[in-house]
């Protein structure tokens, strides 16, 4: 069995296709793009797909080309995720995986 904690760095390039519409002139990384990184990390860690997002809260923005840390942790009822930049919590939630 793999460890109970998984960590990876994420960074969304300024030329990502979702950025011009979110928001024009002052782009922020959309929450769905952050969740895509959560899904990719879950696949890398446990070789399962993201089946459901049970809860997600976005507290602060991630800007293009900023680096952040994504942590996945085993939890009752699923896998908890946290995304932090320089120690500040940007997003957190609970997800379920499925084969």
C-alpha atoms as a PDB file:
ATOM      1  CA  UNK A   1       0.000   0.000   0.000  1.00  0.00           C
ATOM      2  CA  UNK A   2       1.252   3.500  -0.759  1.00  0.00           C
ATOM      3  CA  UNK A   3       1.845   6.091   1.929  1.00  0.00           C
ATOM      4  CA  UNK A   4      -1.010   8.036   3.508  1.00  0.00           C
ATOM      5  CA  UNK A   5       0.307  11.390   2.246  1.00  0.00           C
ATOM      6  CA  UNK A   6       1.146  12.540  -1.285  1.00  0.00           C
ATOM      7  CA  UNK A   7       2.604  15.906  -2.265  1.00  0.00           C
ATOM      8  CA  UNK A   8       3.340  17.581  -5.567  1.00  0.00           C
ATOM      9  CA  UNK A   9       4.041  21.057  -6.844  1.00  0.00           C
ATOM     10  CA  UNK A  10       1.642  22.677  -9.278  1.00  0.00           C
ATOM     11  CA  UNK A  11       2.014  25.686 -11.551  1.00  0.00           C
ATOM     12  CA  UNK A  12      -0.385  26.814 -14.272  1.00  0.00           C
ATOM     13  CA  UNK A  13       1.374  28.533 -17.158  1.00  0.00           C
ATOM     14  CA  UNK A  14       0.262  32.009 -18.179  1.00  0.00           C
ATOM     15  CA  UNK A  15      -0.638  30.673 -21.640  1.00  0.00           C
ATOM     16  CA  UNK A  16      -3.129  28.077 -20.298  1.00  0.00           C
ATOM     17  CA  UNK A  17      -6.245  28.238 -22.531  1.00  0.00           C
ATOM     18  CA  UNK A  18      -8.655  28.801 -19.620  1.00  0.00           C
ATOM     19  CA  UNK A  19      -7.019  32.014 -18.426  1.00  0.00           C
ATOM     20  CA  UNK A  20      -8.155  34.617 -20.981  1.00  0.00           C
ATOM     21  CA  UNK A  21     -11.793  34.119 -19.960  1.00  0.00           C
ATOM     22  CA  UNK A  22     -11.128  33.949 -16.213  1.00  0.00           C
ATOM     23  CA  UNK A  23     -10.827  36.999 -15.949  1.00  0.00           C
ATOM     24  CA  UNK A  24      -9.878  39.169 -18.950  1.00  0.00           C
ATOM     25  CA  UNK A  25      -7.062  41.534 -18.039  1.00  0.00           C
ATOM     26  CA  UNK A  26      -6.532  40.030 -14.567  1.00  0.00           C
ATOM     27  CA  UNK A  27      -6.429  36.239 -14.952  1.00  0.00           C
ATOM     28  CA  UNK A  28      -6.883  33.820 -12.053  1.00  0.00           C
ATOM     29  CA  UNK A  29      -6.494  30.058 -12.236  1.00  0.00           C
ATOM     30  CA  UNK A  30     -10.069  28.668 -12.284  1.00  0.00           C
ATOM     31  CA  UNK A  31     -11.109  26.264  -9.529  1.00  0.00           C
ATOM     32  CA  UNK A  32     -11.839  23.582 -12.111  1.00  0.00           C
ATOM     33  CA  UNK A  33      -8.193  23.732 -13.250  1.00  0.00           C
ATOM     34  CA  UNK A  34      -7.058  23.289  -9.642  1.00  0.00           C
ATOM     35  CA  UNK A  35      -9.405  20.299  -9.356  1.00  0.00           C
ATOM     36  CA  UNK A  36      -7.873  18.902 -12.548  1.00  0.00           C
ATOM     37  CA  UNK A  37      -4.500  18.976 -10.768  1.00  0.00           C
ATOM     38  CA  UNK A  38      -6.099  17.193  -7.803  1.00  0.00           C
ATOM     39  CA  UNK A  39      -7.420  14.519 -10.184  1.00  0.00           C
ATOM     40  CA  UNK A  40      -4.016  14.085 -11.856  1.00  0.00           C
ATOM     41  CA  UNK A  41      -2.298  13.789  -8.480  1.00  0.00           C
ATOM     42  CA  UNK A  42      -4.839  11.199  -7.308  1.00  0.00           C
ATOM     43  CA  UNK A  43      -4.193   9.166 -10.480  1.00  0.00           C
ATOM     44  CA  UNK A  44      -0.427   9.394  -9.947  1.00  0.00           C
ATOM     45  CA  UNK A  45      -0.662   8.489  -6.233  1.00  0.00           C
ATOM     46  CA  UNK A  46      -3.322   5.789  -6.184  1.00  0.00           C
ATOM     47  CA  UNK A  47      -3.898   4.939  -9.866  1.00  0.00           C
ATOM     48  CA  UNK A  48      -7.605   5.759  -9.514  1.00  0.00           C
ATOM     49  CA  UNK A  49      -9.719   8.408 -11.177  1.00  0.00           C
ATOM     50  CA  UNK A  50     -11.465  11.244  -9.414  1.00  0.00           C
ATOM     51  CA  UNK A  51     -15.036   9.987  -9.011  1.00  0.00           C
ATOM     52  CA  UNK A  52     -16.609  12.715  -6.864  1.00  0.00           C
ATOM     53  CA  UNK A  53     -15.793  16.005  -5.259  1.00  0.00           C
ATOM     54  CA  UNK A  54     -17.555  15.753  -1.908  1.00  0.00           C
ATOM     55  CA  UNK A  55     -16.552  19.242  -0.816  1.00  0.00           C
ATOM     56  CA  UNK A  56     -14.328  21.993  -2.114  1.00  0.00           C
ATOM     57  CA  UNK A  57     -13.612  25.453  -0.789  1.00  0.00           C
ATOM     58  CA  UNK A  58     -11.487  28.051  -2.530  1.00  0.00           C
ATOM     59  CA  UNK A  59     -10.151  30.696  -0.127  1.00  0.00           C
ATOM     60  CA  UNK A  60      -7.576  32.632  -2.141  1.00  0.00           C
ATOM     61  CA  UNK A  61      -6.582  32.848  -5.797  1.00  0.00           C
ATOM     62  CA  UNK A  62      -3.692  31.225  -7.582  1.00  0.00           C
ATOM     63  CA  UNK A  63      -2.282  33.446 -10.299  1.00  0.00           C
ATOM     64  CA  UNK A  64      -0.723  32.242 -13.553  1.00  0.00           C
ATOM     65  CA  UNK A  65       2.894  31.098 -13.201  1.00  0.00           C
ATOM     66  CA  UNK A  66       2.681  30.983  -9.384  1.00  0.00           C
ATOM     67  CA  UNK A  67       3.875  27.803  -7.734  1.00  0.00           C
ATOM     68  CA  UNK A  68       1.759  26.032  -5.138  1.00  0.00           C
ATOM     69  CA  UNK A  69       1.910  22.774  -3.215  1.00  0.00           C
ATOM     70  CA  UNK A  70      -0.858  20.185  -3.437  1.00  0.00           C
ATOM     71  CA  UNK A  71      -1.197  17.669  -0.606  1.00  0.00           C
ATOM     72  CA  UNK A  72      -3.412  14.580  -0.677  1.00  0.00           C
ATOM     73  CA  UNK A  73      -4.049  12.803   2.625  1.00  0.00           C
ATOM     74  CA  UNK A  74      -6.047   9.683   3.436  1.00  0.00           C
ATOM     75  CA  UNK A  75      -9.159  10.619   5.415  1.00  0.00           C
ATOM     76  CA  UNK A  76     -12.340   9.000   6.666  1.00  0.00           C
ATOM     77  CA  UNK A  77     -14.716   8.974   3.727  1.00  0.00           C
ATOM     78  CA  UNK A  78     -12.154   9.736   1.044  1.00  0.00           C
ATOM     79  CA  UNK A  79      -9.035  11.764   0.384  1.00  0.00           C
ATOM     80  CA  UNK A  80      -8.505  15.300   1.676  1.00  0.00           C
ATOM     81  CA  UNK A  81      -6.682  17.819  -0.459  1.00  0.00           C
ATOM     82  CA  UNK A  82      -5.058  21.138   0.352  1.00  0.00           C
ATOM     83  CA  UNK A  83      -3.418  23.601  -2.008  1.00  0.00           C
ATOM     84  CA  UNK A  84      -1.024  26.129  -0.454  1.00  0.00           C
ATOM     85  CA  UNK A  85       1.199  28.902  -1.745  1.00  0.00           C
ATOM     86  CA  UNK A  86       3.923  30.148   0.602  1.00  0.00           C
ATOM     87  CA  UNK A  87       2.061  28.582   3.523  1.00  0.00           C
ATOM     88  CA  UNK A  88      -1.246  30.322   2.722  1.00  0.00           C
ATOM     89  CA  UNK A  89      -4.206  27.990   2.184  1.00  0.00           C
ATOM     90  CA  UNK A  90      -5.716  28.518  -1.272  1.00  0.00           C
ATOM     91  CA  UNK A  91      -8.114  25.563  -1.478  1.00  0.00           C
ATOM     92  CA  UNK A  92      -9.158  22.476   0.435  1.00  0.00           C
ATOM     93  CA  UNK A  93     -11.682  19.702   0.100  1.00  0.00           C
ATOM     94  CA  UNK A  94     -12.630  16.047   0.169  1.00  0.00           C
ATOM     95  CA  UNK A  95     -12.713  13.760  -2.860  1.00  0.00           C
ATOM     96  CA  UNK A  96     -13.471  10.136  -3.690  1.00  0.00           C
ATOM     97  CA  UNK A  97     -11.567   7.967  -6.112  1.00  0.00           C
ATOM     98  CA  UNK A  98     -12.757   5.006  -8.152  1.00  0.00           C
ATOM     99  CA  UNK A  99     -11.000   2.428 -10.348  1.00  0.00           C
END
